[in-house]
Amino acid sequence: MHAWSNRQGWHIDHIYDGKFPWPTKGRSLHAVKNGGHFTQAAGLVAIHPIAEALKDEYFYFAWLLRHEAFLRFGYDPDAVFSERTDEYGFRK
């Protein structure tokens, strides 16, 4: 079991992990490598291992989670869902 996991196997995971850039953007934020986003709670999810595997392997599922973060918190560091974001990745 991971140190960041609870006893039921759920993990805390970054939804912006550098994988699956939006087709018109060319690259996606990698929160672990960017100190301004590493601890951003809007980009972290408690995720079941099966859902984590889906996020890591499938563009659609990764972007489903990112869209949910945008709807709930206005978090869009790749500026896919909003035209402008602030330096922390939130919709202006």
N, C-alpha and C. Protein backbone atom coordinates (compact mmCIF):
# COMPACT_ATOMS: atom_id res chain seq x y z
N MET A 1 0.84 -1.18 0.00
CA MET A 1 0.00 0.00 0.00
C MET A 1 0.89 1.24 0.00
N HIS A 2 0.52 2.23 -0.80
CA HIS A 2 1.27 3.47 -0.88
C HIS A 2 1.14 4.28 0.40
N ALA A 3 2.14 5.08 0.68
CA ALA A 3 2.10 5.95 1.86
C ALA A 3 0.98 6.98 1.75
N TRP A 4 0.62 7.37 0.53
CA TRP A 4 -0.41 8.38 0.34
C TRP A 4 -1.80 7.76 0.16
N SER A 5 -1.91 6.48 0.38
CA SER A 5 -3.16 5.76 0.20
C SER A 5 -3.85 5.57 1.55
N ASN A 6 -5.19 5.54 1.52
CA ASN A 6 -5.88 5.17 2.74
C ASN A 6 -5.92 3.65 2.82
N ARG A 7 -6.48 3.09 3.82
CA ARG A 7 -6.45 1.64 4.01
C ARG A 7 -7.40 0.89 3.07
N GLN A 8 -8.16 1.60 2.28
CA GLN A 8 -9.07 0.97 1.35
C GLN A 8 -8.51 0.94 -0.07
N GLY A 9 -7.31 1.42 -0.27
CA GLY A 9 -6.68 1.37 -1.57
C GLY A 9 -6.89 2.59 -2.44
N TRP A 10 -7.57 3.61 -1.95
CA TRP A 10 -7.75 4.83 -2.72
C TRP A 10 -6.49 5.68 -2.61
N HIS A 11 -6.13 6.36 -3.69
CA HIS A 11 -4.93 7.18 -3.73
C HIS A 11 -5.31 8.65 -3.93
N ILE A 12 -4.39 9.51 -3.58
CA ILE A 12 -4.49 10.92 -3.93
C ILE A 12 -3.62 11.09 -5.18
N ASP A 13 -4.21 11.64 -6.23
CA ASP A 13 -3.53 11.67 -7.52
C ASP A 13 -3.71 13.02 -8.19
N HIS A 14 -2.69 13.46 -8.92
CA HIS A 14 -2.78 14.69 -9.72
C HIS A 14 -3.51 14.38 -11.02
N ILE A 15 -4.52 15.18 -11.35
CA ILE A 15 -5.22 14.95 -12.61
C ILE A 15 -4.49 15.59 -13.79
N TYR A 16 -3.62 16.54 -13.51
CA TYR A 16 -2.76 17.10 -14.55
C TYR A 16 -1.37 16.50 -14.36
N ASP A 17 -1.11 15.44 -15.11
CA ASP A 17 0.13 14.69 -14.95
C ASP A 17 1.02 14.71 -16.19
N GLY A 18 0.76 15.65 -17.08
CA GLY A 18 1.56 15.77 -18.29
C GLY A 18 1.11 14.86 -19.42
N LYS A 19 0.20 13.95 -19.14
CA LYS A 19 -0.29 13.03 -20.17
C LYS A 19 -1.49 13.64 -20.89
N PHE A 20 -1.71 13.19 -22.08
CA PHE A 20 -2.89 13.53 -22.87
C PHE A 20 -3.12 15.03 -23.06
N PRO A 21 -2.19 15.70 -23.71
CA PRO A 21 -2.46 17.12 -24.00
C PRO A 21 -3.68 17.27 -24.90
N TRP A 22 -4.37 18.37 -24.75
CA TRP A 22 -5.51 18.67 -25.62
C TRP A 22 -4.97 18.79 -27.04
N PRO A 23 -5.66 18.23 -28.04
CA PRO A 23 -5.12 18.19 -29.41
C PRO A 23 -4.62 19.51 -29.96
N THR A 24 -5.25 20.61 -29.63
CA THR A 24 -4.80 21.90 -30.17
C THR A 24 -3.75 22.59 -29.30
N LYS A 25 -3.40 21.99 -28.17
CA LYS A 25 -2.46 22.64 -27.24
C LYS A 25 -1.03 22.11 -27.37
N GLY A 26 -0.85 20.84 -27.68
CA GLY A 26 0.50 20.31 -27.85
C GLY A 26 1.15 19.76 -26.59
N ARG A 27 0.84 20.33 -25.44
CA ARG A 27 1.38 19.80 -24.18
C ARG A 27 0.41 20.09 -23.05
N SER A 28 0.58 19.35 -21.97
CA SER A 28 -0.30 19.50 -20.81
C SER A 28 0.55 19.71 -19.56
N LEU A 29 0.00 20.44 -18.63
CA LEU A 29 0.69 20.69 -17.37
C LEU A 29 1.05 19.38 -16.67
N HIS A 30 2.24 19.34 -16.12
CA HIS A 30 2.65 18.23 -15.27
C HIS A 30 2.81 18.82 -13.87
N ALA A 31 1.78 18.65 -13.04
CA ALA A 31 1.73 19.32 -11.74
C ALA A 31 2.90 18.96 -10.82
N VAL A 32 3.38 17.74 -10.90
CA VAL A 32 4.49 17.32 -10.04
C VAL A 32 5.76 18.10 -10.37
N LYS A 33 5.92 18.49 -11.61
CA LYS A 33 7.11 19.22 -12.05
C LYS A 33 6.94 20.73 -11.97
N ASN A 34 5.75 21.19 -11.59
CA ASN A 34 5.48 22.62 -11.54
C ASN A 34 5.06 23.00 -10.13
N GLY A 35 5.97 23.65 -9.40
CA GLY A 35 5.72 23.98 -8.00
C GLY A 35 4.47 24.79 -7.74
N GLY A 36 4.05 25.59 -8.71
CA GLY A 36 2.85 26.38 -8.54
C GLY A 36 1.57 25.57 -8.58
N HIS A 37 1.65 24.35 -9.04
CA HIS A 37 0.47 23.51 -9.16
C HIS A 37 0.57 22.22 -8.35
N PHE A 38 1.74 21.90 -7.86
CA PHE A 38 1.96 20.64 -7.16
C PHE A 38 1.00 20.44 -5.98
N THR A 39 0.79 21.48 -5.20
CA THR A 39 -0.09 21.35 -4.03
C THR A 39 -1.48 21.95 -4.25
N GLN A 40 -1.82 22.25 -5.49
CA GLN A 40 -3.12 22.84 -5.79
C GLN A 40 -4.22 21.79 -5.59
N ALA A 41 -5.03 21.99 -4.56
CA ALA A 41 -6.07 21.00 -4.22
C ALA A 41 -7.09 20.81 -5.33
N ALA A 42 -7.33 21.82 -6.15
CA ALA A 42 -8.30 21.69 -7.25
C ALA A 42 -7.84 20.67 -8.29
N GLY A 43 -6.55 20.37 -8.31
CA GLY A 43 -6.01 19.41 -9.27
C GLY A 43 -5.70 18.06 -8.67
N LEU A 44 -6.15 17.83 -7.44
CA LEU A 44 -5.92 16.53 -6.77
C LEU A 44 -7.25 15.83 -6.57
N VAL A 45 -7.24 14.51 -6.73
CA VAL A 45 -8.45 13.72 -6.50
C VAL A 45 -8.11 12.51 -5.65
N ALA A 46 -9.07 12.12 -4.82
CA ALA A 46 -9.00 10.81 -4.16
C ALA A 46 -9.61 9.85 -5.17
N ILE A 47 -8.85 8.87 -5.59
CA ILE A 47 -9.27 8.06 -6.73
C ILE A 47 -9.07 6.57 -6.46
N HIS A 48 -10.06 5.81 -6.83
CA HIS A 48 -10.00 4.35 -6.72
C HIS A 48 -8.95 3.82 -7.70
N PRO A 49 -8.24 2.76 -7.36
CA PRO A 49 -7.19 2.25 -8.25
C PRO A 49 -7.68 1.93 -9.68
N ILE A 50 -8.90 1.46 -9.83
CA ILE A 50 -9.41 1.18 -11.18
C ILE A 50 -9.59 2.48 -11.96
N ALA A 51 -10.17 3.50 -11.31
CA ALA A 51 -10.34 4.80 -11.97
C ALA A 51 -8.97 5.43 -12.26
N GLU A 52 -8.02 5.23 -11.37
CA GLU A 52 -6.67 5.76 -11.60
C GLU A 52 -6.05 5.12 -12.85
N ALA A 53 -6.23 3.82 -13.00
CA ALA A 53 -5.71 3.13 -14.19
C ALA A 53 -6.38 3.66 -15.46
N LEU A 54 -7.68 3.90 -15.40
CA LEU A 54 -8.39 4.47 -16.55
C LEU A 54 -7.85 5.85 -16.90
N LYS A 55 -7.62 6.67 -15.88
CA LYS A 55 -7.09 8.03 -16.09
C LYS A 55 -5.70 7.98 -16.72
N ASP A 56 -4.91 7.01 -16.31
CA ASP A 56 -3.54 6.90 -16.82
C ASP A 56 -3.46 6.35 -18.25
N GLU A 57 -4.52 5.68 -18.70
CA GLU A 57 -4.48 5.03 -20.01
C GLU A 57 -5.38 5.64 -21.08
N TYR A 58 -6.38 6.41 -20.67
CA TYR A 58 -7.38 6.87 -21.64
C TYR A 58 -7.56 8.39 -21.60
N PHE A 59 -7.37 9.00 -22.76
CA PHE A 59 -7.56 10.44 -22.93
C PHE A 59 -8.92 10.89 -22.40
N TYR A 60 -9.98 10.19 -22.82
CA TYR A 60 -11.33 10.60 -22.45
C TYR A 60 -11.51 10.66 -20.94
N PHE A 61 -11.06 9.64 -20.23
CA PHE A 61 -11.27 9.60 -18.78
C PHE A 61 -10.44 10.67 -18.08
N ALA A 62 -9.22 10.88 -18.53
CA ALA A 62 -8.39 11.94 -17.95
C ALA A 62 -9.07 13.30 -18.10
N TRP A 63 -9.61 13.56 -19.29
CA TRP A 63 -10.24 14.85 -19.53
C TRP A 63 -11.61 14.96 -18.87
N LEU A 64 -12.25 13.85 -18.62
CA LEU A 64 -13.49 13.87 -17.84
C LEU A 64 -13.22 14.39 -16.43
N LEU A 65 -12.14 13.92 -15.82
CA LEU A 65 -11.76 14.40 -14.48
C LEU A 65 -11.35 15.87 -14.52
N ARG A 66 -10.60 16.25 -15.53
CA ARG A 66 -10.17 17.65 -15.65
C ARG A 66 -11.36 18.58 -15.86
N HIS A 67 -12.33 18.12 -16.64
CA HIS A 67 -13.54 18.93 -16.85
C HIS A 67 -14.31 19.08 -15.54
N GLU A 68 -14.37 18.03 -14.76
CA GLU A 68 -15.06 18.11 -13.46
C GLU A 68 -14.36 19.12 -12.54
N ALA A 69 -13.03 19.15 -12.56
CA ALA A 69 -12.29 20.14 -11.76
C ALA A 69 -12.60 21.55 -12.24
N PHE A 70 -12.78 21.71 -13.54
CA PHE A 70 -13.15 23.02 -14.06
C PHE A 70 -14.56 23.41 -13.62
N LEU A 71 -15.51 22.49 -13.73
CA LEU A 71 -16.88 22.79 -13.35
C LEU A 71 -17.00 23.12 -11.86
N ARG A 72 -16.29 22.38 -11.03
CA ARG A 72 -16.39 22.58 -9.58
C ARG A 72 -15.60 23.78 -9.07
N PHE A 73 -14.40 23.97 -9.63
CA PHE A 73 -13.48 24.95 -9.05
C PHE A 73 -13.00 26.03 -10.02
N GLY A 74 -13.30 25.88 -11.31
CA GLY A 74 -12.78 26.82 -12.30
C GLY A 74 -11.31 26.59 -12.60
N TYR A 75 -10.81 25.39 -12.27
CA TYR A 75 -9.38 25.07 -12.45
C TYR A 75 -9.16 24.55 -13.86
N ASP A 76 -8.31 25.25 -14.61
CA ASP A 76 -8.08 24.93 -16.02
C ASP A 76 -6.67 25.37 -16.42
N PRO A 77 -5.63 24.78 -15.84
CA PRO A 77 -4.27 25.26 -16.10
C PRO A 77 -3.82 25.12 -17.55
N ASP A 78 -4.46 24.24 -18.33
CA ASP A 78 -4.13 24.12 -19.75
C ASP A 78 -4.96 25.06 -20.62
N ALA A 79 -5.86 25.85 -20.01
CA ALA A 79 -6.72 26.80 -20.72
C ALA A 79 -7.46 26.14 -21.87
N VAL A 80 -8.09 25.02 -21.57
CA VAL A 80 -8.89 24.30 -22.56
C VAL A 80 -10.36 24.71 -22.47
N PHE A 81 -10.86 24.87 -21.27
CA PHE A 81 -12.28 25.16 -21.04
C PHE A 81 -12.57 26.65 -20.91
N SER A 82 -11.54 27.44 -20.75
CA SER A 82 -11.71 28.89 -20.61
C SER A 82 -10.64 29.59 -21.44
N GLU A 83 -10.96 30.78 -21.88
CA GLU A 83 -10.01 31.52 -22.72
C GLU A 83 -8.83 32.06 -21.95
N ARG A 84 -9.07 32.44 -20.69
CA ARG A 84 -8.00 33.04 -19.89
C ARG A 84 -7.96 32.41 -18.51
N THR A 85 -6.76 32.22 -18.01
CA THR A 85 -6.58 31.73 -16.64
C THR A 85 -5.55 32.61 -15.93
N ASP A 86 -5.62 32.59 -14.61
CA ASP A 86 -4.61 33.32 -13.85
C ASP A 86 -3.35 32.45 -13.70
N GLU A 87 -2.37 32.95 -12.99
CA GLU A 87 -1.09 32.23 -12.86
C GLU A 87 -1.22 30.92 -12.09
N TYR A 88 -2.35 30.73 -11.41
CA TYR A 88 -2.57 29.50 -10.66
C TYR A 88 -3.45 28.50 -11.42
N GLY A 89 -3.86 28.86 -12.62
CA GLY A 89 -4.65 27.97 -13.45
C GLY A 89 -6.15 28.09 -13.31
N PHE A 90 -6.61 29.14 -12.64
CA PHE A 90 -8.06 29.33 -12.46
C PHE A 90 -8.61 30.28 -13.51
N ARG A 91 -9.83 30.01 -13.93
CA ARG A 91 -10.52 30.86 -14.91
C ARG A 91 -10.58 32.29 -14.41
N LYS A 92 -10.32 33.21 -15.28
CA LYS A 92 -10.42 34.65 -14.94
C LYS A 92 -11.82 35.12 -15.17
